[in-house]
Protein backbone atom coordinates (compact mmCIF):
# COMPACT_ATOMS: atom_id res chain seq x y z
CA UNK A 1 0.00 0.00 0.00
CA UNK A 2 1.37 3.39 -0.97
CA UNK A 3 0.38 6.76 0.50
CA UNK A 4 -0.09 9.78 -1.75
CA UNK A 5 -0.31 13.42 -0.72
CA UNK A 6 -1.69 16.19 -2.88
CA UNK A 7 -1.87 19.95 -2.35
CA UNK A 8 -5.18 21.15 -3.80
CA UNK A 9 -5.56 24.55 -5.46
CA UNK A 10 -8.38 27.12 -5.29
CA UNK A 11 -10.34 25.25 -2.59
CA UNK A 12 -10.64 25.32 1.19
CA UNK A 13 -8.84 22.05 1.91
CA UNK A 14 -5.07 22.33 2.25
CA UNK A 15 -4.02 18.71 1.72
CA UNK A 16 -5.52 15.47 0.48
CA UNK A 17 -3.91 12.17 1.37
CA UNK A 18 -4.92 8.63 0.55
CA UNK A 19 -3.54 5.16 0.13
CA UNK A 20 -3.68 3.10 -3.03
CA UNK A 21 -3.48 -0.67 -3.08
CA UNK A 22 -4.30 -2.72 -6.18
CA UNK A 23 -6.11 0.28 -7.67
CA UNK A 24 -8.36 0.69 -4.61
CA UNK A 25 -8.61 3.74 -2.34
CA UNK A 26 -8.03 3.54 1.40
CA UNK A 27 -7.65 5.98 4.30
CA UNK A 28 -8.77 9.11 2.42
CA UNK A 29 -8.12 12.22 4.50
CA UNK A 30 -8.63 15.92 3.83
CA UNK A 31 -6.92 18.63 5.87
CA UNK A 32 -9.15 21.69 6.09
CA UNK A 33 -12.32 22.26 4.13
CA UNK A 34 -15.86 21.21 5.05
CA UNK A 35 -15.00 18.60 7.65
CA UNK A 36 -18.23 16.60 7.72
CA UNK A 37 -18.67 16.48 3.95
CA UNK A 38 -15.06 15.53 3.31
CA UNK A 39 -15.10 12.81 5.97
CA UNK A 40 -18.24 11.46 4.27
CA UNK A 41 -16.43 11.33 0.92
CA UNK A 42 -13.64 9.37 2.58
CA UNK A 43 -16.11 6.85 3.99
CA UNK A 44 -18.02 6.53 0.72
CA UNK A 45 -14.93 5.79 -1.36
CA UNK A 46 -13.14 3.43 1.06
CA UNK A 47 -12.12 0.31 -0.85
CA UNK A 48 -13.55 1.60 -4.14
CA UNK A 49 -11.83 1.52 -7.52
CA UNK A 50 -9.72 4.68 -7.75
CA UNK A 51 -10.25 5.29 -11.47
CA UNK A 52 -14.03 5.01 -11.08
CA UNK A 53 -14.04 7.46 -8.17
CA UNK A 54 -11.93 9.94 -10.14
CA UNK A 55 -14.35 9.73 -13.06
CA UNK A 56 -17.32 10.28 -10.79
CA UNK A 57 -15.90 13.30 -8.93
CA UNK A 58 -14.00 15.05 -11.72
CA UNK A 59 -15.57 18.35 -12.74
CA UNK A 60 -17.59 18.87 -9.55
CA UNK A 61 -17.79 22.63 -8.95
CA UNK A 62 -17.99 24.57 -5.67
CA UNK A 63 -19.31 28.12 -5.72
CA UNK A 64 -18.36 28.83 -9.33
CA UNK A 65 -14.65 28.24 -8.72
CA UNK A 66 -14.40 25.77 -11.57
CA UNK A 67 -13.21 23.15 -9.09
CA UNK A 68 -14.01 21.76 -5.64
CA UNK A 69 -12.39 19.58 -3.01
CA UNK A 70 -13.97 16.56 -4.73
CA UNK A 71 -12.63 17.67 -8.13
CA UNK A 72 -9.19 18.23 -6.62
CA UNK A 73 -9.38 14.74 -5.10
CA UNK A 74 -10.15 13.37 -8.58
CA UNK A 75 -7.09 15.16 -9.94
CA UNK A 76 -4.98 13.75 -7.11
CA UNK A 77 -6.19 10.24 -7.90
CA UNK A 78 -5.40 10.68 -11.59
CA UNK A 79 -1.85 11.83 -10.76
CA UNK A 80 -1.34 8.88 -8.42
CA UNK A 81 -2.63 6.41 -10.98
CA UNK A 82 -0.33 7.90 -13.61
CA UNK A 83 2.63 7.50 -11.25
CA UNK A 84 1.61 3.92 -10.51
CA UNK A 85 1.36 3.03 -14.20
CA UNK A 86 4.78 4.59 -14.92
CA UNK A 87 6.35 2.95 -11.90
CA UNK A 88 7.58 6.30 -10.59
CA UNK A 89 7.90 6.93 -6.86
CA UNK A 90 5.55 9.48 -5.28
PDB file of N, CA and C in Angstrom:
ATOM      1  N   UNK A   1       0.859  -1.176   0.000  1.00  0.00           N
ATOM      2  CA  UNK A   1       0.000   0.000   0.000  1.00  0.00           C
ATOM      3  C   UNK A   1       0.900   1.233   0.000  1.00  0.00           C
ATOM      4  N   UNK A   2       0.564   2.182  -0.851  1.00  0.00           N
ATOM      5  CA  UNK A   2       1.366   3.386  -0.974  1.00  0.00           C
ATOM      6  C   UNK A   2       0.516   4.610  -0.642  1.00  0.00           C
ATOM      7  N   UNK A   3       1.085   5.532   0.119  1.00  0.00           N
ATOM      8  CA  UNK A   3       0.382   6.756   0.500  1.00  0.00           C
ATOM      9  C   UNK A   3       0.746   7.875  -0.457  1.00  0.00           C
ATOM     10  N   UNK A   4      -0.266   8.620  -0.878  1.00  0.00           N
ATOM     11  CA  UNK A   4      -0.094   9.778  -1.755  1.00  0.00           C
ATOM     12  C   UNK A   4      -0.586  11.014  -1.028  1.00  0.00           C
ATOM     13  N   UNK A   5       0.089  12.128  -1.277  1.00  0.00           N
ATOM     14  CA  UNK A   5      -0.314  13.420  -0.718  1.00  0.00           C
ATOM     15  C   UNK A   5      -0.413  14.412  -1.878  1.00  0.00           C
ATOM     16  N   UNK A   6      -1.427  15.241  -1.798  1.00  0.00           N
ATOM     17  CA  UNK A   6      -1.690  16.194  -2.876  1.00  0.00           C
ATOM     18  C   UNK A   6      -2.066  17.530  -2.249  1.00  0.00           C
ATOM     19  N   UNK A   7      -1.520  18.608  -2.797  1.00  0.00           N
ATOM     20  CA  UNK A   7      -1.874  19.947  -2.353  1.00  0.00           C
ATOM     21  C   UNK A   7      -2.889  20.527  -3.330  1.00  0.00           C
ATOM     22  N   UNK A   8      -4.152  20.633  -2.906  1.00  0.00           N
ATOM     23  CA  UNK A   8      -5.184  21.151  -3.800  1.00  0.00           C
ATOM     24  C   UNK A   8      -5.034  22.655  -4.015  1.00  0.00           C
ATOM     25  N   UNK A   9      -5.622  23.131  -5.112  1.00  0.00           N
ATOM     26  CA  UNK A   9      -5.563  24.553  -5.459  1.00  0.00           C
ATOM     27  C   UNK A   9      -6.965  25.117  -5.588  1.00  0.00           C
ATOM     28  N   UNK A  10      -7.140  26.347  -5.136  1.00  0.00           N
ATOM     29  CA  UNK A  10      -8.377  27.124  -5.290  1.00  0.00           C
ATOM     30  C   UNK A  10      -9.559  26.574  -4.500  1.00  0.00           C
ATOM     31  N   UNK A  11      -9.284  25.788  -3.447  1.00  0.00           N
ATOM     32  CA  UNK A  11     -10.341  25.248  -2.595  1.00  0.00           C
ATOM     33  C   UNK A  11      -9.955  25.441  -1.130  1.00  0.00           C
ATOM     34  N   UNK A  12     -10.866  25.110  -0.244  1.00  0.00           N
ATOM     35  CA  UNK A  12     -10.636  25.316   1.190  1.00  0.00           C
ATOM     36  C   UNK A  12      -9.700  24.278   1.807  1.00  0.00           C
ATOM     37  N   UNK A  13      -9.721  23.060   1.323  1.00  0.00           N
ATOM     38  CA  UNK A  13      -8.838  22.046   1.914  1.00  0.00           C
ATOM     39  C   UNK A  13      -7.392  22.350   1.531  1.00  0.00           C
ATOM     40  N   UNK A  14      -6.483  22.023   2.443  1.00  0.00           N
ATOM     41  CA  UNK A  14      -5.067  22.332   2.247  1.00  0.00           C
ATOM     42  C   UNK A  14      -4.239  21.127   1.832  1.00  0.00           C
ATOM     43  N   UNK A  15      -4.742  19.920   2.114  1.00  0.00           N
ATOM     44  CA  UNK A  15      -4.022  18.710   1.723  1.00  0.00           C
ATOM     45  C   UNK A  15      -5.008  17.559   1.614  1.00  0.00           C
ATOM     46  N   UNK A  16      -4.754  16.701   0.645  1.00  0.00           N
ATOM     47  CA  UNK A  16      -5.517  15.472   0.476  1.00  0.00           C
ATOM     48  C   UNK A  16      -4.512  14.333   0.519  1.00  0.00           C
ATOM     49  N   UNK A  17      -4.778  13.343   1.344  1.00  0.00           N
ATOM     50  CA  UNK A  17      -3.906  12.172   1.371  1.00  0.00           C
ATOM     51  C   UNK A  17      -4.770  10.919   1.297  1.00  0.00           C
ATOM     52  N   UNK A  18      -4.199   9.891   0.705  1.00  0.00           N
ATOM     53  CA  UNK A  18      -4.918   8.630   0.546  1.00  0.00           C
ATOM     54  C   UNK A  18      -3.915   7.535   0.241  1.00  0.00           C
ATOM     55  N   UNK A  19      -4.342   6.324   0.456  1.00  0.00           N
ATOM     56  CA  UNK A  19      -3.539   5.156   0.127  1.00  0.00           C
ATOM     57  C   UNK A  19      -4.138   4.474  -1.084  1.00  0.00           C
ATOM     58  N   UNK A  20      -3.255   3.894  -1.893  1.00  0.00           N
ATOM     59  CA  UNK A  20      -3.678   3.095  -3.035  1.00  0.00           C
ATOM     60  C   UNK A  20      -3.087   1.698  -2.898  1.00  0.00           C
ATOM     61  N   UNK A  21      -3.943   0.713  -3.070  1.00  0.00           N
ATOM     62  CA  UNK A  21      -3.476  -0.670  -3.083  1.00  0.00           C
ATOM     63  C   UNK A  21      -4.307  -1.426  -4.113  1.00  0.00           C
ATOM     64  N   UNK A  22      -3.622  -1.979  -5.107  1.00  0.00           N
ATOM     65  CA  UNK A  22      -4.296  -2.718  -6.177  1.00  0.00           C
ATOM     66  C   UNK A  22      -5.401  -1.897  -6.830  1.00  0.00           C
ATOM     67  N   UNK A  23      -5.152  -0.589  -7.004  1.00  0.00           N
ATOM     68  CA  UNK A  23      -6.109   0.281  -7.667  1.00  0.00           C
ATOM     69  C   UNK A  23      -7.299   0.698  -6.810  1.00  0.00           C
ATOM     70  N   UNK A  24      -7.263   0.357  -5.527  1.00  0.00           N
ATOM     71  CA  UNK A  24      -8.359   0.692  -4.610  1.00  0.00           C
ATOM     72  C   UNK A  24      -7.921   1.783  -3.643  1.00  0.00           C
ATOM     73  N   UNK A  25      -8.874   2.645  -3.272  1.00  0.00           N
ATOM     74  CA  UNK A  25      -8.614   3.744  -2.345  1.00  0.00           C
ATOM     75  C   UNK A  25      -8.807   3.315  -0.897  1.00  0.00           C
ATOM     76  N   UNK A  26      -7.931   3.813  -0.034  1.00  0.00           N
ATOM     77  CA  UNK A  26      -8.030   3.540   1.401  1.00  0.00           C
ATOM     78  C   UNK A  26      -7.555   4.771   2.172  1.00  0.00           C
ATOM     79  N   UNK A  27      -8.093   4.948   3.360  1.00  0.00           N
ATOM     80  CA  UNK A  27      -7.646   5.981   4.305  1.00  0.00           C
ATOM     81  C   UNK A  27      -7.612   7.383   3.692  1.00  0.00           C
ATOM     82  N   UNK A  28      -8.686   7.777   3.041  1.00  0.00           N
ATOM     83  CA  UNK A  28      -8.765   9.106   2.423  1.00  0.00           C
ATOM     84  C   UNK A  28      -8.939  10.149   3.528  1.00  0.00           C
ATOM     85  N   UNK A  29      -8.086  11.182   3.486  1.00  0.00           N
ATOM     86  CA  UNK A  29      -8.115  12.224   4.497  1.00  0.00           C
ATOM     87  C   UNK A  29      -7.948  13.589   3.836  1.00  0.00           C
ATOM     88  N   UNK A  30      -8.733  14.543   4.290  1.00  0.00           N
ATOM     89  CA  UNK A  30      -8.633  15.920   3.829  1.00  0.00           C
ATOM     90  C   UNK A  30      -8.232  16.767   5.029  1.00  0.00           C
ATOM     91  N   UNK A  31      -7.285  17.662   4.832  1.00  0.00           N
ATOM     92  CA  UNK A  31      -6.919  18.628   5.871  1.00  0.00           C
ATOM     93  C   UNK A  31      -7.573  19.948   5.492  1.00  0.00           C
ATOM     94  N   UNK A  32      -8.419  20.461   6.379  1.00  0.00           N
ATOM     95  CA  UNK A  32      -9.146  21.689   6.092  1.00  0.00           C
ATOM     96  C   UNK A  32     -10.388  21.389   5.272  1.00  0.00           C
ATOM     97  N   UNK A  33     -11.107  22.425   4.919  1.00  0.00           N
ATOM     98  CA  UNK A  33     -12.323  22.257   4.126  1.00  0.00           C
ATOM     99  C   UNK A  33     -13.532  21.950   4.990  1.00  0.00           C
ATOM    100  N   UNK A  34     -14.598  21.524   4.363  1.00  0.00           N
ATOM    101  CA  UNK A  34     -15.859  21.211   5.048  1.00  0.00           C
ATOM    102  C   UNK A  34     -15.755  19.838   5.686  1.00  0.00           C
ATOM    103  N   UNK A  35     -15.388  19.813   6.939  1.00  0.00           N
ATOM    104  CA  UNK A  35     -15.001  18.596   7.647  1.00  0.00           C
ATOM    105  C   UNK A  35     -15.994  17.439   7.489  1.00  0.00           C
ATOM    106  N   UNK A  36     -17.249  17.683   7.780  1.00  0.00           N
ATOM    107  CA  UNK A  36     -18.235  16.605   7.716  1.00  0.00           C
ATOM    108  C   UNK A  36     -18.405  16.046   6.312  1.00  0.00           C
ATOM    109  N   UNK A  37     -18.503  16.932   5.333  1.00  0.00           N
ATOM    110  CA  UNK A  37     -18.672  16.484   3.953  1.00  0.00           C
ATOM    111  C   UNK A  37     -17.456  15.716   3.455  1.00  0.00           C
ATOM    112  N   UNK A  38     -16.269  16.186   3.795  1.00  0.00           N
ATOM    113  CA  UNK A  38     -15.065  15.533   3.309  1.00  0.00           C
ATOM    114  C   UNK A  38     -14.811  14.198   4.012  1.00  0.00           C
ATOM    115  N   UNK A  39     -15.175  14.113   5.293  1.00  0.00           N
ATOM    116  CA  UNK A  39     -15.103  12.813   5.973  1.00  0.00           C
ATOM    117  C   UNK A  39     -16.075  11.834   5.327  1.00  0.00           C
ATOM    118  N   UNK A  40     -17.252  12.321   4.926  1.00  0.00           N
ATOM    119  CA  UNK A  40     -18.243  11.464   4.271  1.00  0.00           C
ATOM    120  C   UNK A  40     -17.700  10.938   2.946  1.00  0.00           C
ATOM    121  N   UNK A  41     -17.028  11.796   2.174  1.00  0.00           N
ATOM    122  CA  UNK A  41     -16.429  11.331   0.919  1.00  0.00           C
ATOM    123  C   UNK A  41     -15.444  10.207   1.208  1.00  0.00           C
ATOM    124  N   UNK A  42     -14.602  10.401   2.221  1.00  0.00           N
ATOM    125  CA  UNK A  42     -13.635   9.366   2.582  1.00  0.00           C
ATOM    126  C   UNK A  42     -14.297   8.039   2.908  1.00  0.00           C
ATOM    127  N   UNK A  43     -15.390   8.084   3.646  1.00  0.00           N
ATOM    128  CA  UNK A  43     -16.115   6.852   3.990  1.00  0.00           C
ATOM    129  C   UNK A  43     -16.755   6.216   2.760  1.00  0.00           C
ATOM    130  N   UNK A  44     -17.334   7.048   1.900  1.00  0.00           N
ATOM    131  CA  UNK A  44     -18.024   6.530   0.720  1.00  0.00           C
ATOM    132  C   UNK A  44     -17.090   5.870  -0.285  1.00  0.00           C
ATOM    133  N   UNK A  45     -15.845   6.325  -0.356  1.00  0.00           N
ATOM    134  CA  UNK A  45     -14.931   5.792  -1.364  1.00  0.00           C
ATOM    135  C   UNK A  45     -13.983   4.723  -0.822  1.00  0.00           C
ATOM    136  N   UNK A  46     -14.034   4.444   0.461  1.00  0.00           N
ATOM    137  CA  UNK A  46     -13.144   3.431   1.064  1.00  0.00           C
ATOM    138  C   UNK A  46     -13.284   2.099   0.332  1.00  0.00           C
ATOM    139  N   UNK A  47     -12.157   1.604  -0.174  1.00  0.00           N
ATOM    140  CA  UNK A  47     -12.121   0.309  -0.850  1.00  0.00           C
ATOM    141  C   UNK A  47     -12.625   0.318  -2.279  1.00  0.00           C
ATOM    142  N   UNK A  48     -12.998   1.487  -2.790  1.00  0.00           N
ATOM    143  CA  UNK A  48     -13.546   1.599  -4.144  1.00  0.00           C
ATOM    144  C   UNK A  48     -12.424   1.731  -5.174  1.00  0.00           C
ATOM    145  N   UNK A  49     -12.754   1.391  -6.414  1.00  0.00           N
ATOM    146  CA  UNK A  49     -11.826   1.515  -7.520  1.00  0.00           C
ATOM    147  C   UNK A  49     -11.475   2.994  -7.736  1.00  0.00           C
ATOM    148  N   UNK A  50     -10.179   3.296  -7.690  1.00  0.00           N
ATOM    149  CA  UNK A  50      -9.722   4.682  -7.746  1.00  0.00           C
ATOM    150  C   UNK A  50     -10.102   5.363  -9.059  1.00  0.00           C
ATOM    151  N   UNK A  51      -9.940   4.685 -10.178  1.00  0.00           N
ATOM    152  CA  UNK A  51     -10.248   5.294 -11.470  1.00  0.00           C
ATOM    153  C   UNK A  51     -11.737   5.624 -11.572  1.00  0.00           C
ATOM    154  N   UNK A  52     -12.581   4.756 -11.048  1.00  0.00           N
ATOM    155  CA  UNK A  52     -14.028   5.007 -11.083  1.00  0.00           C
ATOM    156  C   UNK A  52     -14.392   6.208 -10.229  1.00  0.00           C
ATOM    157  N   UNK A  53     -13.777   6.322  -9.058  1.00  0.00           N
ATOM    158  CA  UNK A  53     -14.044   7.456  -8.171  1.00  0.00           C
ATOM    159  C   UNK A  53     -13.594   8.757  -8.839  1.00  0.00           C
ATOM    160  N   UNK A  54     -12.419   8.737  -9.461  1.00  0.00           N
ATOM    161  CA  UNK A  54     -11.932   9.941 -10.144  1.00  0.00           C
ATOM    162  C   UNK A  54     -12.899  10.366 -11.237  1.00  0.00           C
ATOM    163  N   UNK A  55     -13.397   9.419 -12.001  1.00  0.00           N
ATOM    164  CA  UNK A  55     -14.347   9.730 -13.064  1.00  0.00           C
ATOM    165  C   UNK A  55     -15.643  10.307 -12.537  1.00  0.00           C
ATOM    166  N   UNK A  56     -16.070   9.812 -11.401  1.00  0.00           N
ATOM    167  CA  UNK A  56     -17.317  10.279 -10.794  1.00  0.00           C
ATOM    168  C   UNK A  56     -17.193  11.698 -10.240  1.00  0.00           C
ATOM    169  N   UNK A  57     -16.062  12.013  -9.618  1.00  0.00           N
ATOM    170  CA  UNK A  57     -15.901  13.297  -8.929  1.00  0.00           C
ATOM    171  C   UNK A  57     -15.322  14.412  -9.794  1.00  0.00           C
ATOM    172  N   UNK A  58     -14.663  14.046 -10.879  1.00  0.00           N
ATOM    173  CA  UNK A  58     -14.002  15.051 -11.716  1.00  0.00           C
ATOM    174  C   UNK A  58     -15.031  16.027 -12.298  1.00  0.00           C
ATOM    175  N   UNK A  59     -14.709  17.314 -12.187  1.00  0.00           N
ATOM    176  CA  UNK A  59     -15.570  18.348 -12.735  1.00  0.00           C
ATOM    177  C   UNK A  59     -16.588  18.907 -11.762  1.00  0.00           C
ATOM    178  N   UNK A  60     -16.659  18.344 -10.569  1.00  0.00           N
ATOM    179  CA  UNK A  60     -17.585  18.873  -9.553  1.00  0.00           C
ATOM    180  C   UNK A  60     -17.149  20.294  -9.194  1.00  0.00           C
ATOM    181  N   UNK A  61     -18.094  21.225  -9.183  1.00  0.00           N
ATOM    182  CA  UNK A  61     -17.788  22.635  -8.950  1.00  0.00           C
ATOM    183  C   UNK A  61     -18.318  23.094  -7.595  1.00  0.00           C
ATOM    184  N   UNK A  62     -17.567  23.978  -6.943  1.00  0.00           N
ATOM    185  CA  UNK A  62     -17.991  24.566  -5.674  1.00  0.00           C
ATOM    186  C   UNK A  62     -18.013  26.082  -5.821  1.00  0.00           C
ATOM    187  N   UNK A  63     -19.173  26.662  -5.742  1.00  0.00           N
ATOM    188  CA  UNK A  63     -19.310  28.115  -5.720  1.00  0.00           C
ATOM    189  C   UNK A  63     -18.786  28.835  -6.946  1.00  0.00           C
ATOM    190  N   UNK A  64     -18.818  28.191  -8.100  1.00  0.00           N
ATOM    191  CA  UNK A  64     -18.363  28.833  -9.327  1.00  0.00           C
ATOM    192  C   UNK A  64     -16.854  28.947  -9.464  1.00  0.00           C
ATOM    193  N   UNK A  65     -16.119  28.192  -8.669  1.00  0.00           N
ATOM    194  CA  UNK A  65     -14.650  28.244  -8.722  1.00  0.00           C
ATOM    195  C   UNK A  65     -14.072  27.471  -9.901  1.00  0.00           C
ATOM    196  N   UNK A  66     -14.903  26.622 -10.501  1.00  0.00           N
ATOM    197  CA  UNK A  66     -14.397  25.765 -11.569  1.00  0.00           C
ATOM    198  C   UNK A  66     -13.756  24.505 -11.040  1.00  0.00           C
ATOM    199  N   UNK A  67     -13.765  24.334  -9.740  1.00  0.00           N
ATOM    200  CA  UNK A  67     -13.214  23.148  -9.092  1.00  0.00           C
ATOM    201  C   UNK A  67     -13.866  23.019  -7.723  1.00  0.00           C
ATOM    202  N   UNK A  68     -13.511  21.996  -7.000  1.00  0.00           N
ATOM    203  CA  UNK A  68     -14.008  21.759  -5.643  1.00  0.00           C
ATOM    204  C   UNK A  68     -13.035  20.811  -4.970  1.00  0.00           C
ATOM    205  N   UNK A  69     -13.241  20.554  -3.698  1.00  0.00           N
ATOM    206  CA  UNK A  69     -12.395  19.582  -3.010  1.00  0.00           C
ATOM    207  C   UNK A  69     -12.534  18.202  -3.663  1.00  0.00           C
ATOM    208  N   UNK A  70     -13.751  17.855  -4.064  1.00  0.00           N
ATOM    209  CA  UNK A  70     -13.973  16.565  -4.730  1.00  0.00           C
ATOM    210  C   UNK A  70     -13.254  16.513  -6.078  1.00  0.00           C
ATOM    211  N   UNK A  71     -13.326  17.599  -6.840  1.00  0.00           N
ATOM    212  CA  UNK A  71     -12.632  17.672  -8.128  1.00  0.00           C
ATOM    213  C   UNK A  71     -11.122  17.596  -7.924  1.00  0.00           C
ATOM    214  N   UNK A  72     -10.619  18.282  -6.914  1.00  0.00           N
ATOM    215  CA  UNK A  72      -9.188  18.229  -6.621  1.00  0.00           C
ATOM    216  C   UNK A  72      -8.770  16.817  -6.199  1.00  0.00           C
ATOM    217  N   UNK A  73      -9.632  16.126  -5.473  1.00  0.00           N
ATOM    218  CA  UNK A  73      -9.377  14.737  -5.100  1.00  0.00           C
ATOM    219  C   UNK A  73      -9.293  13.877  -6.366  1.00  0.00           C
ATOM    220  N   UNK A  74     -10.188  14.107  -7.314  1.00  0.00           N
ATOM    221  CA  UNK A  74     -10.150  13.368  -8.578  1.00  0.00           C
ATOM    222  C   UNK A  74      -8.823  13.608  -9.296  1.00  0.00           C
ATOM    223  N   UNK A  75      -8.375  14.835  -9.305  1.00  0.00           N
ATOM    224  CA  UNK A  75      -7.087  15.158  -9.940  1.00  0.00           C
ATOM    225  C   UNK A  75      -5.930  14.462  -9.217  1.00  0.00           C
ATOM    226  N   UNK A  76      -6.005  14.430  -7.890  1.00  0.00           N
ATOM    227  CA  UNK A  76      -4.975  13.751  -7.105  1.00  0.00           C
ATOM    228  C   UNK A  76      -4.939  12.258  -7.440  1.00  0.00           C
ATOM    229  N   UNK A  77      -6.107  11.653  -7.552  1.00  0.00           N
ATOM    230  CA  UNK A  77      -6.193  10.238  -7.897  1.00  0.00           C
ATOM    231  C   UNK A  77      -5.584  10.002  -9.275  1.00  0.00           C
ATOM    232  N   UNK A  78      -5.936  10.837 -10.242  1.00  0.00           N
ATOM    233  CA  UNK A  78      -5.399  10.680 -11.593  1.00  0.00           C
ATOM    234  C   UNK A  78      -3.876  10.764 -11.606  1.00  0.00           C
ATOM    235  N   UNK A  79      -3.314  11.710 -10.853  1.00  0.00           N
ATOM    236  CA  UNK A  79      -1.852  11.827 -10.764  1.00  0.00           C
ATOM    237  C   UNK A  79      -1.241  10.570 -10.154  1.00  0.00           C
ATOM    238  N   UNK A  80      -1.856  10.084  -9.081  1.00  0.00           N
ATOM    239  CA  UNK A  80      -1.342   8.882  -8.416  1.00  0.00           C
ATOM    240  C   UNK A  80      -1.405   7.674  -9.347  1.00  0.00           C
ATOM    241  N   UNK A  81      -2.498   7.533 -10.057  1.00  0.00           N
ATOM    242  CA  UNK A  81      -2.631   6.405 -10.982  1.00  0.00           C
ATOM    243  C   UNK A  81      -1.610   6.496 -12.114  1.00  0.00           C
ATOM    244  N   UNK A  82      -1.344   7.711 -12.565  1.00  0.00           N
ATOM    245  CA  UNK A  82      -0.331   7.903 -13.608  1.00  0.00           C
ATOM    246  C   UNK A  82       1.046   7.482 -13.077  1.00  0.00           C
ATOM    247  N   UNK A  83       1.360   7.891 -11.852  1.00  0.00           N
ATOM    248  CA  UNK A  83       2.635   7.500 -11.248  1.00  0.00           C
ATOM    249  C   UNK A  83       2.729   5.986 -11.110  1.00  0.00           C
ATOM    250  N   UNK A  84       1.638   5.375 -10.685  1.00  0.00           N
ATOM    251  CA  UNK A  84       1.607   3.923 -10.511  1.00  0.00           C
ATOM    252  C   UNK A  84       1.859   3.218 -11.848  1.00  0.00           C
ATOM    253  N   UNK A  85       1.233   3.697 -12.904  1.00  0.00           N
ATOM    254  CA  UNK A  85       1.359   3.030 -14.197  1.00  0.00           C
ATOM    255  C   UNK A  85       2.751   3.217 -14.792  1.00  0.00           C
ATOM    256  N   UNK A  86       3.428   4.328 -14.436  1.00  0.00           N
ATOM    257  CA  UNK A  86       4.778   4.587 -14.917  1.00  0.00           C
ATOM    258  C   UNK A  86       5.827   3.959 -14.015  1.00  0.00           C
ATOM    259  N   UNK A  87       5.410   3.531 -12.847  1.00  0.00           N
ATOM    260  CA  UNK A  87       6.348   2.948 -11.900  1.00  0.00           C
ATOM    261  C   UNK A  87       7.216   3.966 -11.207  1.00  0.00           C
ATOM    262  N   UNK A  88       6.799   5.227 -11.221  1.00  0.00           N
ATOM    263  CA  UNK A  88       7.578   6.300 -10.585  1.00  0.00           C
ATOM    264  C   UNK A  88       7.223   6.401  -9.114  1.00  0.00           C
ATOM    265  N   UNK A  89       8.209   6.714  -8.273  1.00  0.00           N
ATOM    266  CA  UNK A  89       7.899   6.930  -6.859  1.00  0.00           C
ATOM    267  C   UNK A  89       7.129   8.216  -6.662  1.00  0.00           C
ATOM    268  N   UNK A  90       6.340   8.276  -5.583  1.00  0.00           N
ATOM    269  CA  UNK A  90       5.548   9.481  -5.277  1.00  0.00           C
ATOM    270  C   UNK A  90       6.439  10.566  -4.735  1.00  0.00           C
TER     271      UNK A  90
END
